[in-house]
Amino acid sequence: MDKKKLYRSQSDRKLAGVFGGLANYFGIDATLLRLIGLLLLIPSFGTMVLLYICAVFVMPDEKGGTSV
């Protein structure tokens, strides 16, 4: 059984590859996740920015490298 792993995408990235990696992990379109992230940005009072920054440091790079 092939286990899926969560990585920051190297090929589908706009900033740090977080949404590209999440989209790859869940098998959905990265643009959809980016739009949802933008829509949640205002009502979350900046919490989405904090979560994104945390994900950048917690999620490893796709090529087996370390986080930023």
N, C-alpha and C. Protein backbone atom coordinates (compact mmCIF):
# COMPACT_ATOMS: atom_id res chain seq x y z
N MET A 1 0.85 -1.19 0.00
CA MET A 1 0.00 0.00 0.00
C MET A 1 0.89 1.24 0.00
N ASP A 2 0.59 2.15 -0.91
CA ASP A 2 1.39 3.36 -1.05
C ASP A 2 0.86 4.44 -0.11
N LYS A 3 1.71 4.87 0.82
CA LYS A 3 1.30 5.91 1.76
C LYS A 3 1.53 7.28 1.13
N LYS A 4 0.52 8.16 1.25
CA LYS A 4 0.68 9.52 0.78
C LYS A 4 1.38 10.33 1.86
N LYS A 5 2.23 11.23 1.42
CA LYS A 5 2.92 12.12 2.36
C LYS A 5 2.65 13.55 1.95
N LEU A 6 2.60 14.40 2.94
CA LEU A 6 2.31 15.81 2.72
C LEU A 6 3.62 16.58 2.59
N TYR A 7 3.82 17.18 1.42
CA TYR A 7 5.01 17.97 1.14
C TYR A 7 4.61 19.30 0.53
N ARG A 8 5.49 20.30 0.65
CA ARG A 8 5.31 21.54 -0.10
C ARG A 8 5.72 21.28 -1.53
N SER A 9 4.88 21.65 -2.46
CA SER A 9 5.11 21.36 -3.87
C SER A 9 6.25 22.20 -4.44
N GLN A 10 7.07 21.58 -5.27
CA GLN A 10 8.11 22.30 -5.99
C GLN A 10 7.61 22.75 -7.35
N SER A 11 6.67 22.00 -7.93
CA SER A 11 6.21 22.30 -9.28
C SER A 11 4.96 23.18 -9.32
N ASP A 12 4.11 23.08 -8.31
CA ASP A 12 2.86 23.84 -8.28
C ASP A 12 2.90 24.82 -7.12
N ARG A 13 3.70 25.87 -7.28
CA ARG A 13 3.83 26.84 -6.20
C ARG A 13 3.69 28.25 -6.73
N LYS A 14 3.10 29.07 -5.88
CA LYS A 14 3.01 30.51 -6.16
C LYS A 14 3.88 31.25 -5.15
N LEU A 15 3.79 30.87 -3.88
CA LEU A 15 4.65 31.46 -2.85
C LEU A 15 5.62 30.41 -2.33
N ALA A 16 5.14 29.52 -1.48
CA ALA A 16 6.02 28.53 -0.87
C ALA A 16 5.61 27.10 -1.19
N GLY A 17 4.54 26.90 -1.95
CA GLY A 17 4.13 25.56 -2.34
C GLY A 17 3.20 24.86 -1.36
N VAL A 18 2.69 25.59 -0.36
CA VAL A 18 1.83 24.98 0.65
C VAL A 18 0.52 24.51 0.03
N PHE A 19 -0.16 25.40 -0.70
CA PHE A 19 -1.44 25.03 -1.29
C PHE A 19 -1.26 23.99 -2.40
N GLY A 20 -0.16 24.06 -3.13
CA GLY A 20 0.12 23.05 -4.15
C GLY A 20 0.33 21.68 -3.53
N GLY A 21 1.03 21.63 -2.40
CA GLY A 21 1.24 20.37 -1.71
C GLY A 21 -0.05 19.82 -1.11
N LEU A 22 -0.86 20.70 -0.52
CA LEU A 22 -2.14 20.26 0.03
C LEU A 22 -3.06 19.75 -1.07
N ALA A 23 -3.08 20.43 -2.20
CA ALA A 23 -3.91 20.00 -3.32
C ALA A 23 -3.46 18.65 -3.84
N ASN A 24 -2.17 18.44 -3.93
CA ASN A 24 -1.64 17.15 -4.38
C ASN A 24 -2.00 16.04 -3.39
N TYR A 25 -1.92 16.32 -2.10
CA TYR A 25 -2.21 15.34 -1.06
C TYR A 25 -3.69 14.92 -1.09
N PHE A 26 -4.57 15.91 -1.24
CA PHE A 26 -6.01 15.63 -1.21
C PHE A 26 -6.60 15.35 -2.59
N GLY A 27 -5.81 15.53 -3.65
CA GLY A 27 -6.27 15.22 -5.00
C GLY A 27 -7.28 16.22 -5.54
N ILE A 28 -7.11 17.50 -5.20
CA ILE A 28 -7.99 18.54 -5.71
C ILE A 28 -7.16 19.62 -6.38
N ASP A 29 -7.83 20.56 -7.00
CA ASP A 29 -7.16 21.63 -7.74
C ASP A 29 -6.54 22.65 -6.78
N ALA A 30 -5.29 23.02 -7.00
CA ALA A 30 -4.59 23.97 -6.15
C ALA A 30 -5.22 25.36 -6.23
N THR A 31 -5.73 25.72 -7.39
CA THR A 31 -6.36 27.03 -7.54
C THR A 31 -7.59 27.14 -6.64
N LEU A 32 -8.34 26.07 -6.51
CA LEU A 32 -9.50 26.06 -5.64
C LEU A 32 -9.07 26.28 -4.18
N LEU A 33 -8.01 25.62 -3.75
CA LEU A 33 -7.52 25.83 -2.39
C LEU A 33 -7.02 27.25 -2.18
N ARG A 34 -6.36 27.80 -3.18
CA ARG A 34 -5.88 29.19 -3.06
C ARG A 34 -7.04 30.17 -2.94
N LEU A 35 -8.10 29.94 -3.71
CA LEU A 35 -9.28 30.80 -3.63
C LEU A 35 -9.96 30.68 -2.26
N ILE A 36 -10.07 29.47 -1.76
CA ILE A 36 -10.66 29.26 -0.43
C ILE A 36 -9.81 29.97 0.63
N GLY A 37 -8.49 29.86 0.50
CA GLY A 37 -7.59 30.54 1.42
C GLY A 37 -7.77 32.05 1.40
N LEU A 38 -7.93 32.60 0.20
CA LEU A 38 -8.15 34.04 0.08
C LEU A 38 -9.50 34.44 0.66
N LEU A 39 -10.53 33.63 0.42
CA LEU A 39 -11.85 33.93 0.96
C LEU A 39 -11.87 33.86 2.49
N LEU A 40 -11.07 32.98 3.06
CA LEU A 40 -11.03 32.85 4.52
C LEU A 40 -10.09 33.86 5.17
N LEU A 41 -9.31 34.56 4.38
CA LEU A 41 -8.34 35.51 4.92
C LEU A 41 -9.00 36.65 5.69
N ILE A 42 -10.01 37.25 5.13
CA ILE A 42 -10.66 38.41 5.77
C ILE A 42 -11.43 38.01 7.02
N PRO A 43 -12.32 37.02 6.97
CA PRO A 43 -13.07 36.70 8.19
C PRO A 43 -12.21 36.07 9.30
N SER A 44 -11.03 35.59 8.95
CA SER A 44 -10.18 34.97 9.97
C SER A 44 -9.30 35.99 10.67
N PHE A 45 -9.38 37.27 10.28
CA PHE A 45 -8.60 38.35 10.89
C PHE A 45 -7.10 38.06 10.87
N GLY A 46 -6.62 37.49 9.78
CA GLY A 46 -5.19 37.24 9.63
C GLY A 46 -4.71 35.89 10.13
N THR A 47 -5.61 35.10 10.71
CA THR A 47 -5.21 33.78 11.20
C THR A 47 -4.74 32.89 10.06
N MET A 48 -5.33 33.04 8.88
CA MET A 48 -4.91 32.25 7.72
C MET A 48 -3.46 32.54 7.36
N VAL A 49 -3.03 33.78 7.49
CA VAL A 49 -1.64 34.13 7.22
C VAL A 49 -0.72 33.42 8.20
N LEU A 50 -1.11 33.42 9.46
CA LEU A 50 -0.33 32.72 10.49
C LEU A 50 -0.26 31.23 10.21
N LEU A 51 -1.38 30.63 9.84
CA LEU A 51 -1.41 29.20 9.53
C LEU A 51 -0.54 28.88 8.32
N TYR A 52 -0.58 29.75 7.32
CA TYR A 52 0.24 29.55 6.12
C TYR A 52 1.73 29.60 6.48
N ILE A 53 2.10 30.59 7.27
CA ILE A 53 3.50 30.73 7.68
C ILE A 53 3.95 29.52 8.50
N CYS A 54 3.09 29.05 9.39
CA CYS A 54 3.41 27.85 10.17
C CYS A 54 3.59 26.64 9.26
N ALA A 55 2.71 26.51 8.27
CA ALA A 55 2.80 25.39 7.34
C ALA A 55 4.10 25.43 6.53
N VAL A 56 4.56 26.62 6.20
CA VAL A 56 5.83 26.76 5.46
C VAL A 56 6.98 26.16 6.27
N PHE A 57 6.96 26.37 7.57
CA PHE A 57 8.06 25.87 8.40
C PHE A 57 7.88 24.42 8.84
N VAL A 58 6.65 23.94 8.84
CA VAL A 58 6.39 22.57 9.32
C VAL A 58 6.45 21.55 8.18
N MET A 59 5.91 21.91 7.02
CA MET A 59 5.86 20.97 5.90
C MET A 59 7.23 20.90 5.21
N PRO A 60 7.73 19.69 4.99
CA PRO A 60 9.03 19.57 4.28
C PRO A 60 8.86 19.81 2.79
N ASP A 61 9.98 20.11 2.11
CA ASP A 61 9.96 20.27 0.66
C ASP A 61 9.70 18.93 -0.01
N GLU A 62 9.16 18.98 -1.21
CA GLU A 62 8.81 17.78 -1.98
C GLU A 62 10.04 16.95 -2.33
N LYS A 63 11.16 17.57 -2.57
CA LYS A 63 12.37 16.84 -3.00
C LYS A 63 13.12 16.20 -1.84
N GLY A 64 12.50 16.11 -0.69
CA GLY A 64 13.16 15.49 0.46
C GLY A 64 14.02 16.44 1.24
N GLY A 65 13.96 17.72 0.89
CA GLY A 65 14.73 18.71 1.61
C GLY A 65 14.06 19.09 2.91
N THR A 66 14.65 20.02 3.60
CA THR A 66 14.08 20.48 4.87
C THR A 66 13.15 21.65 4.60
N SER A 67 12.45 22.09 5.64
CA SER A 67 11.60 23.26 5.49
C SER A 67 12.48 24.50 5.39
N VAL A 68 11.83 25.63 5.09
CA VAL A 68 12.53 26.89 4.83
C VAL A 68 13.44 27.25 5.93
